[in-house]
Amino acid sequence: MKGQTAGLFLLGAGGYSLIEMLWRGHTHWTMALTGGAVLVGLHRLRGHVREEKPLARCLCGAACITAAEYVVGCTVNRVYRMDVWDYSQEKGNIQGQICPKYAALWTLLAAPVMLPK
């Protein structure tokens, strides 16, 4: 990692861990890694969707966060059985790893990254 990418990764790792601590009261080291990787990815995605309408940019960001959540969830929760989260009680969930409620919240979480041109 170089310069800005490393800084974004650390910001995402720390920022998402803090959000989880405030929302759920705890976090897991895998969420710090995921938060860092996602922020780097969103920053890169922003350059590709710059000309889209603001809502479309936020929805693209939310789709990326949701995809990352699904991949990480299947890995840490289903393969390695770390039980970091379980959305199986949430309406519309997919394999207990993602659900519409949190996908909608990711739209809001993506906004600070995806809205600036």
PDB file of N, CA and C in Angstrom:
ATOM      1  N   MET A   1       0.841  -1.178   0.000  1.00  0.00           N
ATOM      2  CA  MET A   1       0.000   0.000   0.000  1.00  0.00           C
ATOM      3  C   MET A   1       0.880   1.232   0.000  1.00  0.00           C
ATOM      4  N   LYS A   2       0.431   2.229  -0.692  1.00  0.00           N
ATOM      5  CA  LYS A   2       1.202   3.463  -0.743  1.00  0.00           C
ATOM      6  C   LYS A   2       0.342   4.620  -0.281  1.00  0.00           C
ATOM      7  N   GLY A   3       0.986   5.601   0.335  1.00  0.00           N
ATOM      8  CA  GLY A   3       0.405   6.879   0.694  1.00  0.00           C
ATOM      9  C   GLY A   3      -1.082   6.946   0.946  1.00  0.00           C
ATOM     10  N   GLN A   4      -1.794   7.467  -0.042  1.00  0.00           N
ATOM     11  CA  GLN A   4      -3.226   7.716   0.104  1.00  0.00           C
ATOM     12  C   GLN A   4      -4.006   6.421   0.318  1.00  0.00           C
ATOM     13  N   THR A   5      -3.621   5.357  -0.377  1.00  0.00           N
ATOM     14  CA  THR A   5      -4.336   4.086  -0.220  1.00  0.00           C
ATOM     15  C   THR A   5      -4.198   3.566   1.201  1.00  0.00           C
ATOM     16  N   ALA A   6      -2.990   3.633   1.755  1.00  0.00           N
ATOM     17  CA  ALA A   6      -2.780   3.178   3.129  1.00  0.00           C
ATOM     18  C   ALA A   6      -3.584   4.033   4.103  1.00  0.00           C
ATOM     19  N   GLY A   7      -3.606   5.339   3.878  1.00  0.00           N
ATOM     20  CA  GLY A   7      -4.384   6.226   4.737  1.00  0.00           C
ATOM     21  C   GLY A   7      -5.869   5.933   4.672  1.00  0.00           C
ATOM     22  N   LEU A   8      -6.370   5.707   3.458  1.00  0.00           N
ATOM     23  CA  LEU A   8      -7.788   5.359   3.300  1.00  0.00           C
ATOM     24  C   LEU A   8      -8.106   4.037   3.990  1.00  0.00           C
ATOM     25  N   PHE A   9      -7.199   3.066   3.833  1.00  0.00           N
ATOM     26  CA  PHE A   9      -7.421   1.771   4.467  1.00  0.00           C
ATOM     27  C   PHE A   9      -7.523   1.933   5.981  1.00  0.00           C
ATOM     28  N   LEU A  10      -6.590   2.667   6.567  1.00  0.00           N
ATOM     29  CA  LEU A  10      -6.606   2.862   8.017  1.00  0.00           C
ATOM     30  C   LEU A  10      -7.837   3.639   8.473  1.00  0.00           C
ATOM     31  N   LEU A  11      -8.230   4.647   7.700  1.00  0.00           N
ATOM     32  CA  LEU A  11      -9.432   5.406   8.024  1.00  0.00           C
ATOM     33  C   LEU A  11     -10.668   4.512   7.976  1.00  0.00           C
ATOM     34  N   GLY A  12     -10.762   3.695   6.946  1.00  0.00           N
ATOM     35  CA  GLY A  12     -11.898   2.774   6.828  1.00  0.00           C
ATOM     36  C   GLY A  12     -11.916   1.734   7.931  1.00  0.00           C
ATOM     37  N   ALA A  13     -10.743   1.207   8.265  1.00  0.00           N
ATOM     38  CA  ALA A  13     -10.650   0.199   9.325  1.00  0.00           C
ATOM     39  C   ALA A  13     -11.072   0.779  10.672  1.00  0.00           C
ATOM     40  N   GLY A  14     -10.527   1.933  10.992  1.00  0.00           N
ATOM     41  CA  GLY A  14     -10.863   2.565  12.266  1.00  0.00           C
ATOM     42  C   GLY A  14     -12.276   3.111  12.297  1.00  0.00           C
ATOM     43  N   GLY A  15     -12.669   3.746  11.196  1.00  0.00           N
ATOM     44  CA  GLY A  15     -14.003   4.342  11.133  1.00  0.00           C
ATOM     45  C   GLY A  15     -15.111   3.311  11.216  1.00  0.00           C
ATOM     46  N   TYR A  16     -14.971   2.228  10.470  1.00  0.00           N
ATOM     47  CA  TYR A  16     -16.026   1.217  10.519  1.00  0.00           C
ATOM     48  C   TYR A  16     -16.051   0.512  11.872  1.00  0.00           C
ATOM     49  N   SER A  17     -14.888   0.269  12.439  1.00  0.00           N
ATOM     50  CA  SER A  17     -14.855  -0.342  13.777  1.00  0.00           C
ATOM     51  C   SER A  17     -15.565   0.549  14.795  1.00  0.00           C
ATOM     52  N   LEU A  18     -15.343   1.846  14.702  1.00  0.00           N
ATOM     53  CA  LEU A  18     -16.009   2.786  15.604  1.00  0.00           C
ATOM     54  C   LEU A  18     -17.524   2.770  15.391  1.00  0.00           C
ATOM     55  N   ILE A  19     -17.956   2.778  14.138  1.00  0.00           N
ATOM     56  CA  ILE A  19     -19.394   2.720  13.852  1.00  0.00           C
ATOM     57  C   ILE A  19     -20.004   1.465  14.450  1.00  0.00           C
ATOM     58  N   GLU A  20     -19.325   0.328  14.281  1.00  0.00           N
ATOM     59  CA  GLU A  20     -19.846  -0.924  14.845  1.00  0.00           C
ATOM     60  C   GLU A  20     -19.893  -0.878  16.369  1.00  0.00           C
ATOM     61  N   MET A  21     -18.881  -0.296  16.968  1.00  0.00           N
ATOM     62  CA  MET A  21     -18.877  -0.191  18.431  1.00  0.00           C
ATOM     63  C   MET A  21     -20.062   0.642  18.915  1.00  0.00           C
ATOM     64  N   LEU A  22     -20.341   1.725  18.199  1.00  0.00           N
ATOM     65  CA  LEU A  22     -21.473   2.576  18.575  1.00  0.00           C
ATOM     66  C   LEU A  22     -22.802   1.891  18.284  1.00  0.00           C
ATOM     67  N   TRP A  23     -22.920   1.141  17.189  1.00  0.00           N
ATOM     68  CA  TRP A  23     -24.180   0.517  16.758  1.00  0.00           C
ATOM     69  C   TRP A  23     -24.473  -0.760  17.533  1.00  0.00           C
ATOM     70  N   ARG A  24     -23.460  -1.653  17.640  1.00  0.00           N
ATOM     71  CA  ARG A  24     -23.675  -2.979  18.228  1.00  0.00           C
ATOM     72  C   ARG A  24     -23.031  -3.156  19.596  1.00  0.00           C
ATOM     73  N   GLY A  25     -22.121  -2.250  19.948  1.00  0.00           N
ATOM     74  CA  GLY A  25     -21.443  -2.366  21.230  1.00  0.00           C
ATOM     75  C   GLY A  25     -20.180  -3.212  21.168  1.00  0.00           C
ATOM     76  N   HIS A  26     -19.873  -3.776  20.018  1.00  0.00           N
ATOM     77  CA  HIS A  26     -18.654  -4.566  19.845  1.00  0.00           C
ATOM     78  C   HIS A  26     -18.336  -4.669  18.352  1.00  0.00           C
ATOM     79  N   THR A  27     -17.133  -5.114  18.064  1.00  0.00           N
ATOM     80  CA  THR A  27     -16.728  -5.329  16.678  1.00  0.00           C
ATOM     81  C   THR A  27     -15.814  -6.547  16.632  1.00  0.00           C
ATOM     82  N   HIS A  28     -15.262  -6.830  15.490  1.00  0.00           N
ATOM     83  CA  HIS A  28     -14.391  -7.986  15.289  1.00  0.00           C
ATOM     84  C   HIS A  28     -13.273  -7.548  14.351  1.00  0.00           C
ATOM     85  N   TRP A  29     -12.103  -8.092  14.507  1.00  0.00           N
ATOM     86  CA  TRP A  29     -10.963  -7.672  13.689  1.00  0.00           C
ATOM     87  C   TRP A  29     -11.225  -7.824  12.199  1.00  0.00           C
ATOM     88  N   THR A  30     -12.038  -8.796  11.816  1.00  0.00           N
ATOM     89  CA  THR A  30     -12.336  -8.969  10.386  1.00  0.00           C
ATOM     90  C   THR A  30     -13.133  -7.787   9.842  1.00  0.00           C
ATOM     91  N   MET A  31     -13.883  -7.122  10.701  1.00  0.00           N
ATOM     92  CA  MET A  31     -14.656  -5.969  10.262  1.00  0.00           C
ATOM     93  C   MET A  31     -13.742  -4.764  10.037  1.00  0.00           C
ATOM     94  N   ALA A  32     -12.674  -4.670  10.785  1.00  0.00           N
ATOM     95  CA  ALA A  32     -11.702  -3.595  10.547  1.00  0.00           C
ATOM     96  C   ALA A  32     -11.059  -3.789   9.176  1.00  0.00           C
ATOM     97  N   LEU A  33     -10.647  -5.012   8.873  1.00  0.00           N
ATOM     98  CA  LEU A  33     -10.055  -5.286   7.559  1.00  0.00           C
ATOM     99  C   LEU A  33     -11.057  -5.014   6.438  1.00  0.00           C
ATOM    100  N   THR A  34     -12.286  -5.431   6.648  1.00  0.00           N
ATOM    101  CA  THR A  34     -13.324  -5.220   5.636  1.00  0.00           C
ATOM    102  C   THR A  34     -13.591  -3.732   5.450  1.00  0.00           C
ATOM    103  N   GLY A  35     -13.712  -3.004   6.544  1.00  0.00           N
ATOM    104  CA  GLY A  35     -13.956  -1.562   6.463  1.00  0.00           C
ATOM    105  C   GLY A  35     -12.849  -0.841   5.719  1.00  0.00           C
ATOM    106  N   GLY A  36     -11.618  -1.231   5.955  1.00  0.00           N
ATOM    107  CA  GLY A  36     -10.499  -0.621   5.246  1.00  0.00           C
ATOM    108  C   GLY A  36     -10.537  -0.915   3.759  1.00  0.00           C
ATOM    109  N   ALA A  37     -10.744  -2.174   3.425  1.00  0.00           N
ATOM    110  CA  ALA A  37     -10.799  -2.559   2.011  1.00  0.00           C
ATOM    111  C   ALA A  37     -11.965  -1.898   1.297  1.00  0.00           C
ATOM    112  N   VAL A  38     -13.099  -1.814   1.967  1.00  0.00           N
ATOM    113  CA  VAL A  38     -14.279  -1.201   1.355  1.00  0.00           C
ATOM    114  C   VAL A  38     -14.050   0.286   1.093  1.00  0.00           C
ATOM    115  N   LEU A  39     -13.455   0.998   2.031  1.00  0.00           N
ATOM    116  CA  LEU A  39     -13.233   2.426   1.805  1.00  0.00           C
ATOM    117  C   LEU A  39     -12.292   2.652   0.619  1.00  0.00           C
ATOM    118  N   VAL A  40     -11.260   1.850   0.505  1.00  0.00           N
ATOM    119  CA  VAL A  40     -10.361   1.954  -0.655  1.00  0.00           C
ATOM    120  C   VAL A  40     -11.147   1.684  -1.935  1.00  0.00           C
ATOM    121  N   GLY A  41     -11.974   0.636  -1.918  1.00  0.00           N
ATOM    122  CA  GLY A  41     -12.784   0.302  -3.098  1.00  0.00           C
ATOM    123  C   GLY A  41     -13.774   1.393  -3.460  1.00  0.00           C
ATOM    124  N   LEU A  42     -14.434   1.966  -2.468  1.00  0.00           N
ATOM    125  CA  LEU A  42     -15.397   3.036  -2.737  1.00  0.00           C
ATOM    126  C   LEU A  42     -14.706   4.261  -3.320  1.00  0.00           C
ATOM    127  N   HIS A  43     -13.554   4.565  -2.807  1.00  0.00           N
ATOM    128  CA  HIS A  43     -12.812   5.713  -3.319  1.00  0.00           C
ATOM    129  C   HIS A  43     -12.475   5.511  -4.802  1.00  0.00           C
ATOM    130  N   ARG A  44     -12.090   4.308  -5.157  1.00  0.00           N
ATOM    131  CA  ARG A  44     -11.788   4.016  -6.564  1.00  0.00           C
ATOM    132  C   ARG A  44     -13.049   4.008  -7.411  1.00  0.00           C
ATOM    133  N   LEU A  45     -14.125   3.443  -6.886  1.00  0.00           N
ATOM    134  CA  LEU A  45     -15.400   3.398  -7.607  1.00  0.00           C
ATOM    135  C   LEU A  45     -15.909   4.805  -7.892  1.00  0.00           C
ATOM    136  N   ARG A  46     -15.729   5.700  -6.947  1.00  0.00           N
ATOM    137  CA  ARG A  46     -16.223   7.075  -7.098  1.00  0.00           C
ATOM    138  C   ARG A  46     -15.741   7.709  -8.403  1.00  0.00           C
ATOM    139  N   GLY A  47     -14.521   7.447  -8.787  1.00  0.00           N
ATOM    140  CA  GLY A  47     -14.001   7.997 -10.030  1.00  0.00           C
ATOM    141  C   GLY A  47     -14.719   7.479 -11.265  1.00  0.00           C
ATOM    142  N   HIS A  48     -15.271   6.283 -11.180  1.00  0.00           N
ATOM    143  CA  HIS A  48     -15.962   5.674 -12.326  1.00  0.00           C
ATOM    144  C   HIS A  48     -17.423   6.107 -12.441  1.00  0.00           C
ATOM    145  N   VAL A  49     -18.012   6.555 -11.346  1.00  0.00           N
ATOM    146  CA  VAL A  49     -19.437   6.926 -11.363  1.00  0.00           C
ATOM    147  C   VAL A  49     -19.629   8.418 -11.112  1.00  0.00           C
ATOM    148  N   ARG A  50     -18.571   9.173 -11.244  1.00  0.00           N
ATOM    149  CA  ARG A  50     -18.566  10.603 -10.942  1.00  0.00           C
ATOM    150  C   ARG A  50     -19.686  11.375 -11.627  1.00  0.00           C
ATOM    151  N   GLU A  51     -20.024  11.025 -12.858  1.00  0.00           N
ATOM    152  CA  GLU A  51     -21.018  11.774 -13.632  1.00  0.00           C
ATOM    153  C   GLU A  51     -22.456  11.304 -13.393  1.00  0.00           C
ATOM    154  N   GLU A  52     -22.634  10.257 -12.617  1.00  0.00           N
ATOM    155  CA  GLU A  52     -23.983   9.760 -12.319  1.00  0.00           C
ATOM    156  C   GLU A  52     -24.681  10.676 -11.313  1.00  0.00           C
ATOM    157  N   LYS A  53     -25.992  10.527 -11.223  1.00  0.00           N
ATOM    158  CA  LYS A  53     -26.759  11.304 -10.240  1.00  0.00           C
ATOM    159  C   LYS A  53     -26.355  10.871  -8.828  1.00  0.00           C
ATOM    160  N   PRO A  54     -26.510  11.766  -7.853  1.00  0.00           N
ATOM    161  CA  PRO A  54     -26.074  11.457  -6.491  1.00  0.00           C
ATOM    162  C   PRO A  54     -26.647  10.153  -5.920  1.00  0.00           C
ATOM    163  N   LEU A  55     -27.948   9.926  -6.091  1.00  0.00           N
ATOM    164  CA  LEU A  55     -28.533   8.699  -5.560  1.00  0.00           C
ATOM    165  C   LEU A  55     -27.926   7.475  -6.229  1.00  0.00           C
ATOM    166  N   ALA A  56     -27.699   7.537  -7.521  1.00  0.00           N
ATOM    167  CA  ALA A  56     -27.093   6.406  -8.238  1.00  0.00           C
ATOM    168  C   ALA A  56     -25.691   6.125  -7.705  1.00  0.00           C
ATOM    169  N   ARG A  57     -24.929   7.180  -7.403  1.00  0.00           N
ATOM    170  CA  ARG A  57     -23.583   6.987  -6.853  1.00  0.00           C
ATOM    171  C   ARG A  57     -23.652   6.304  -5.493  1.00  0.00           C
ATOM    172  N   CYS A  58     -24.586   6.744  -4.663  1.00  0.00           N
ATOM    173  CA  CYS A  58     -24.730   6.137  -3.334  1.00  0.00           C
ATOM    174  C   CYS A  58     -25.193   4.687  -3.432  1.00  0.00           C
ATOM    175  N   LEU A  59     -26.092   4.414  -4.365  1.00  0.00           N
ATOM    176  CA  LEU A  59     -26.554   3.034  -4.545  1.00  0.00           C
ATOM    177  C   LEU A  59     -25.433   2.134  -5.056  1.00  0.00           C
ATOM    178  N   CYS A  60     -24.586   2.654  -5.920  1.00  0.00           N
ATOM    179  CA  CYS A  60     -23.411   1.886  -6.373  1.00  0.00           C
ATOM    180  C   CYS A  60     -22.507   1.577  -5.188  1.00  0.00           C
ATOM    181  N   GLY A  61     -22.299   2.561  -4.334  1.00  0.00           N
ATOM    182  CA  GLY A  61     -21.487   2.344  -3.141  1.00  0.00           C
ATOM    183  C   GLY A  61     -22.106   1.305  -2.226  1.00  0.00           C
ATOM    184  N   ALA A  62     -23.414   1.403  -2.031  1.00  0.00           N
ATOM    185  CA  ALA A  62     -24.111   0.432  -1.177  1.00  0.00           C
ATOM    186  C   ALA A  62     -24.021  -0.973  -1.759  1.00  0.00           C
ATOM    187  N   ALA A  63     -24.108  -1.092  -3.077  1.00  0.00           N
ATOM    188  CA  ALA A  63     -23.994  -2.405  -3.719  1.00  0.00           C
ATOM    189  C   ALA A  63     -22.606  -2.995  -3.474  1.00  0.00           C
ATOM    190  N   CYS A  64     -21.588  -2.166  -3.538  1.00  0.00           N
ATOM    191  CA  CYS A  64     -20.226  -2.653  -3.280  1.00  0.00           C
ATOM    192  C   CYS A  64     -20.055  -3.078  -1.822  1.00  0.00           C
ATOM    193  N   ILE A  65     -20.587  -2.282  -0.903  1.00  0.00           N
ATOM    194  CA  ILE A  65     -20.491  -2.640   0.513  1.00  0.00           C
ATOM    195  C   ILE A  65     -21.242  -3.943   0.764  1.00  0.00           C
ATOM    196  N   THR A  66     -22.432  -4.072   0.200  1.00  0.00           N
ATOM    197  CA  THR A  66     -23.235  -5.280   0.384  1.00  0.00           C
ATOM    198  C   THR A  66     -22.528  -6.494  -0.199  1.00  0.00           C
ATOM    199  N   ALA A  67     -21.923  -6.341  -1.370  1.00  0.00           N
ATOM    200  CA  ALA A  67     -21.178  -7.450  -1.981  1.00  0.00           C
ATOM    201  C   ALA A  67     -20.003  -7.859  -1.090  1.00  0.00           C
ATOM    202  N   ALA A  68     -19.286  -6.875  -0.567  1.00  0.00           N
ATOM    203  CA  ALA A  68     -18.166  -7.180   0.329  1.00  0.00           C
ATOM    204  C   ALA A  68     -18.671  -7.876   1.588  1.00  0.00           C
ATOM    205  N   GLU A  69     -19.780  -7.392   2.118  1.00  0.00           N
ATOM    206  CA  GLU A  69     -20.353  -8.000   3.319  1.00  0.00           C
ATOM    207  C   GLU A  69     -20.728  -9.455   3.063  1.00  0.00           C
ATOM    208  N   TYR A  70     -21.277  -9.727   1.893  1.00  0.00           N
ATOM    209  CA  TYR A  70     -21.671 -11.098   1.562  1.00  0.00           C
ATOM    210  C   TYR A  70     -20.442 -12.006   1.448  1.00  0.00           C
ATOM    211  N   VAL A  71     -19.430 -11.560   0.725  1.00  0.00           N
ATOM    212  CA  VAL A  71     -18.223 -12.369   0.544  1.00  0.00           C
ATOM    213  C   VAL A  71     -17.529 -12.613   1.885  1.00  0.00           C
ATOM    214  N   VAL A  72     -17.348 -11.547   2.654  1.00  0.00           N
ATOM    215  CA  VAL A  72     -16.699 -11.693   3.954  1.00  0.00           C
ATOM    216  C   VAL A  72     -17.562 -12.539   4.880  1.00  0.00           C
ATOM    217  N   GLY A  73     -18.867 -12.309   4.874  1.00  0.00           N
ATOM    218  CA  GLY A  73     -19.763 -13.092   5.721  1.00  0.00           C
ATOM    219  C   GLY A  73     -19.721 -14.569   5.404  1.00  0.00           C
ATOM    220  N   CYS A  74     -19.781 -14.897   4.128  1.00  0.00           N
ATOM    221  CA  CYS A  74     -19.708 -16.315   3.747  1.00  0.00           C
ATOM    222  C   CYS A  74     -18.382 -16.921   4.181  1.00  0.00           C
ATOM    223  N   THR A  75     -17.329 -16.137   4.116  1.00  0.00           N
ATOM    224  CA  THR A  75     -16.010 -16.642   4.502  1.00  0.00           C
ATOM    225  C   THR A  75     -15.883 -16.785   6.013  1.00  0.00           C
ATOM    226  N   VAL A  76     -16.083 -15.689   6.743  1.00  0.00           N
ATOM    227  CA  VAL A  76     -15.823 -15.735   8.187  1.00  0.00           C
ATOM    228  C   VAL A  76     -16.944 -16.430   8.973  1.00  0.00           C
ATOM    229  N   ASN A  77     -18.175 -16.296   8.518  1.00  0.00           N
ATOM    230  CA  ASN A  77     -19.284 -16.878   9.277  1.00  0.00           C
ATOM    231  C   ASN A  77     -19.627 -18.301   8.857  1.00  0.00           C
ATOM    232  N   ARG A  78     -19.597 -18.571   7.565  1.00  0.00           N
ATOM    233  CA  ARG A  78     -20.024 -19.883   7.086  1.00  0.00           C
ATOM    234  C   ARG A  78     -18.863 -20.863   6.929  1.00  0.00           C
ATOM    235  N   VAL A  79     -17.755 -20.404   6.376  1.00  0.00           N
ATOM    236  CA  VAL A  79     -16.620 -21.311   6.181  1.00  0.00           C
ATOM    237  C   VAL A  79     -15.849 -21.501   7.485  1.00  0.00           C
ATOM    238  N   TYR A  80     -15.437 -20.375   8.096  1.00  0.00           N
ATOM    239  CA  TYR A  80     -14.623 -20.458   9.306  1.00  0.00           C
ATOM    240  C   TYR A  80     -15.437 -20.473  10.597  1.00  0.00           C
ATOM    241  N   ARG A  81     -16.732 -20.315  10.497  1.00  0.00           N
ATOM    242  CA  ARG A  81     -17.650 -20.388  11.646  1.00  0.00           C
ATOM    243  C   ARG A  81     -17.241 -19.469  12.801  1.00  0.00           C
ATOM    244  N   MET A  82     -16.891 -18.224  12.444  1.00  0.00           N
ATOM    245  CA  MET A  82     -16.481 -17.247  13.453  1.00  0.00           C
ATOM    246  C   MET A  82     -17.682 -16.542  14.086  1.00  0.00           C
ATOM    247  N   ASP A  83     -18.847 -16.665  13.492  1.00  0.00           N
ATOM    248  CA  ASP A  83     -20.079 -16.084  14.039  1.00  0.00           C
ATOM    249  C   ASP A  83     -19.941 -14.597  14.352  1.00  0.00           C
ATOM    250  N   VAL A  84     -19.441 -13.835  13.384  1.00  0.00           N
ATOM    251  CA  VAL A  84     -19.275 -12.398  13.568  1.00  0.00           C
ATOM    252  C   VAL A  84     -20.625 -11.696  13.515  1.00  0.00           C
ATOM    253  N   TRP A  85     -21.517 -12.121  12.621  1.00  0.00           N
ATOM    254  CA  TRP A  85     -22.881 -11.603  12.579  1.00  0.00           C
ATOM    255  C   TRP A  85     -23.803 -12.645  11.998  1.00  0.00           C
ATOM    256  N   ASP A  86     -25.099 -12.433  12.216  1.00  0.00           N
ATOM    257  CA  ASP A  86     -26.108 -13.359  11.717  1.00  0.00           C
ATOM    258  C   ASP A  86     -27.393 -12.575  11.461  1.00  0.00           C
ATOM    259  N   TYR A  87     -27.724 -12.402  10.207  1.00  0.00           N
ATOM    260  CA  TYR A  87     -28.939 -11.681   9.832  1.00  0.00           C
ATOM    261  C   TYR A  87     -30.089 -12.638   9.529  1.00  0.00           C
ATOM    262  N   SER A  88     -29.981 -13.874   9.952  1.00  0.00           N
ATOM    263  CA  SER A  88     -31.003 -14.861   9.579  1.00  0.00           C
ATOM    264  C   SER A  88     -32.395 -14.506  10.102  1.00  0.00           C
ATOM    265  N   GLN A  89     -32.482 -13.657  11.101  1.00  0.00           N
ATOM    266  CA  GLN A  89     -33.788 -13.237  11.618  1.00  0.00           C
ATOM    267  C   GLN A  89     -34.327 -12.004  10.912  1.00  0.00           C
ATOM    268  N   GLU A  90     -33.516 -11.407  10.063  1.00  0.00           N
ATOM    269  CA  GLU A  90     -33.936 -10.205   9.331  1.00  0.00           C
ATOM    270  C   GLU A  90     -34.735 -10.593   8.088  1.00  0.00           C
ATOM    271  N   LYS A  91     -35.762  -9.823   7.803  1.00  0.00           N
ATOM    272  CA  LYS A  91     -36.599 -10.073   6.638  1.00  0.00           C
ATOM    273  C   LYS A  91     -35.782  -9.923   5.349  1.00  0.00           C
ATOM    274  N   GLY A  92     -35.954 -10.865   4.435  1.00  0.00           N
ATOM    275  CA  GLY A  92     -35.306 -10.793   3.129  1.00  0.00           C
ATOM    276  C   GLY A  92     -33.825 -11.122   3.136  1.00  0.00           C
ATOM    277  N   ASN A  93     -33.331 -11.733   4.212  1.00  0.00           N
ATOM    278  CA  ASN A  93     -31.901 -12.023   4.286  1.00  0.00           C
ATOM    279  C   ASN A  93     -31.493 -13.093   3.271  1.00  0.00           C
ATOM    280  N   ILE A  94     -30.231 -13.074   2.913  1.00  0.00           N
ATOM    281  CA  ILE A  94     -29.663 -14.104   2.038  1.00  0.00           C
ATOM    282  C   ILE A  94     -28.603 -14.838   2.848  1.00  0.00           C
ATOM    283  N   GLN A  95     -28.896 -16.082   3.164  1.00  0.00           N
ATOM    284  CA  GLN A  95     -28.007 -16.965   3.922  1.00  0.00           C
ATOM    285  C   GLN A  95     -27.563 -16.353   5.250  1.00  0.00           C
ATOM    286  N   GLY A  96     -28.343 -15.430   5.776  1.00  0.00           N
ATOM    287  CA  GLY A  96     -28.008 -14.795   7.049  1.00  0.00           C
ATOM    288  C   GLY A  96     -26.847 -13.822   6.973  1.00  0.00           C
ATOM    289  N   GLN A  97     -26.352 -13.544   5.760  1.00  0.00           N
ATOM    290  CA  GLN A  97     -25.151 -12.717   5.616  1.00  0.00           C
ATOM    291  C   GLN A  97     -25.450 -11.286   5.194  1.00  0.00           C
ATOM    292  N   ILE A  98     -26.472 -11.085   4.404  1.00  0.00           N
ATOM    293  CA  ILE A  98     -26.884  -9.742   3.990  1.00  0.00           C
ATOM    294  C   ILE A  98     -28.397  -9.660   4.077  1.00  0.00           C
ATOM    295  N   CYS A  99     -28.902  -8.423   4.157  1.00  0.00           N
ATOM    296  CA  CYS A  99     -30.347  -8.224   4.217  1.00  0.00           C
ATOM    297  C   CYS A  99     -30.676  -6.819   3.720  1.00  0.00           C
ATOM    298  N   PRO A 100     -31.919  -6.608   3.292  1.00  0.00           N
ATOM    299  CA  PRO A 100     -32.315  -5.306   2.764  1.00  0.00           C
ATOM    300  C   PRO A 100     -32.133  -4.152   3.747  1.00  0.00           C
ATOM    301  N   LYS A 101     -32.406  -4.398   5.033  1.00  0.00           N
ATOM    302  CA  LYS A 101     -32.294  -3.324   6.026  1.00  0.00           C
ATOM    303  C   LYS A 101     -30.876  -2.746   6.050  1.00  0.00           C
ATOM    304  N   TYR A 102     -29.893  -3.608   6.119  1.00  0.00           N
ATOM    305  CA  TYR A 102     -28.520  -3.111   6.173  1.00  0.00           C
ATOM    306  C   TYR A 102     -28.037  -2.630   4.812  1.00  0.00           C
ATOM    307  N   ALA A 103     -28.518  -3.212   3.738  1.00  0.00           N
ATOM    308  CA  ALA A 103     -28.163  -2.703   2.408  1.00  0.00           C
ATOM    309  C   ALA A 103     -28.627  -1.251   2.272  1.00  0.00           C
ATOM    310  N   ALA A 104     -29.801  -0.944   2.810  1.00  0.00           N
ATOM    311  CA  ALA A 104     -30.300   0.435   2.774  1.00  0.00           C
ATOM    312  C   ALA A 104     -29.425   1.342   3.638  1.00  0.00           C
ATOM    313  N   LEU A 105     -29.020   0.856   4.793  1.00  0.00           N
ATOM    314  CA  LEU A 105     -28.145   1.654   5.649  1.00  0.00           C
ATOM    315  C   LEU A 105     -26.789   1.899   4.990  1.00  0.00           C
ATOM    316  N   TRP A 106     -26.329   0.939   4.197  1.00  0.00           N
ATOM    317  CA  TRP A 106     -25.043   1.124   3.504  1.00  0.00           C
ATOM    318  C   TRP A 106     -25.134   2.258   2.484  1.00  0.00           C
ATOM    319  N   THR A 107     -26.333   2.521   1.975  1.00  0.00           N
ATOM    320  CA  THR A 107     -26.510   3.662   1.065  1.00  0.00           C
ATOM    321  C   THR A 107     -26.151   4.955   1.790  1.00  0.00           C
ATOM    322  N   LEU A 108     -26.578   5.074   3.025  1.00  0.00           N
ATOM    323  CA  LEU A 108     -26.251   6.255   3.836  1.00  0.00           C
ATOM    324  C   LEU A 108     -24.770   6.283   4.197  1.00  0.00           C
ATOM    325  N   LEU A 109     -24.233   5.122   4.527  1.00  0.00           N
ATOM    326  CA  LEU A 109     -22.825   5.050   4.897  1.00  0.00           C
ATOM    327  C   LEU A 109     -21.918   5.391   3.711  1.00  0.00           C
ATOM    328  N   ALA A 110     -22.352   5.040   2.507  1.00  0.00           N
ATOM    329  CA  ALA A 110     -21.555   5.319   1.308  1.00  0.00           C
ATOM    330  C   ALA A 110     -21.600   6.795   0.911  1.00  0.00           C
ATOM    331  N   ALA A 111     -22.624   7.504   1.322  1.00  0.00           N
ATOM    332  CA  ALA A 111     -22.844   8.883   0.867  1.00  0.00           C
ATOM    333  C   ALA A 111     -21.633   9.808   1.062  1.00  0.00           C
ATOM    334  N   PRO A 112     -20.997   9.843   2.238  1.00  0.00           N
ATOM    335  CA  PRO A 112     -19.865  10.780   2.394  1.00  0.00           C
ATOM    336  C   PRO A 112     -18.714  10.512   1.413  1.00  0.00           C
ATOM    337  N   VAL A 113     -18.577   9.287   0.962  1.00  0.00           N
ATOM    338  CA  VAL A 113     -17.512   8.949   0.021  1.00  0.00           C
ATOM    339  C   VAL A 113     -17.975   9.169  -1.414  1.00  0.00           C
ATOM    340  N   MET A 114     -19.211   8.795  -1.710  1.00  0.00           N
ATOM    341  CA  MET A 114     -19.683   8.774  -3.091  1.00  0.00           C
ATOM    342  C   MET A 114     -20.244  10.109  -3.572  1.00  0.00           C
ATOM    343  N   LEU A 115     -20.669  10.990  -2.671  1.00  0.00           N
ATOM    344  CA  LEU A 115     -21.301  12.235  -3.114  1.00  0.00           C
ATOM    345  C   LEU A 115     -20.347  13.312  -3.618  1.00  0.00           C
ATOM    346  N   PRO A 116     -19.212  13.516  -2.978  1.00  0.00           N
ATOM    347  CA  PRO A 116     -18.331  14.571  -3.516  1.00  0.00           C
ATOM    348  C   PRO A 116     -17.868  14.229  -4.932  1.00  0.00           C
ATOM    349  N   LYS A 117     -17.875  15.239  -5.806  1.00  0.00           N
ATOM    350  CA  LYS A 117     -17.378  15.013  -7.171  1.00  0.00           C
ATOM    351  C   LYS A 117     -15.915  15.279  -7.134  1.00  0.00           C
TER     352      LYS A 117
END
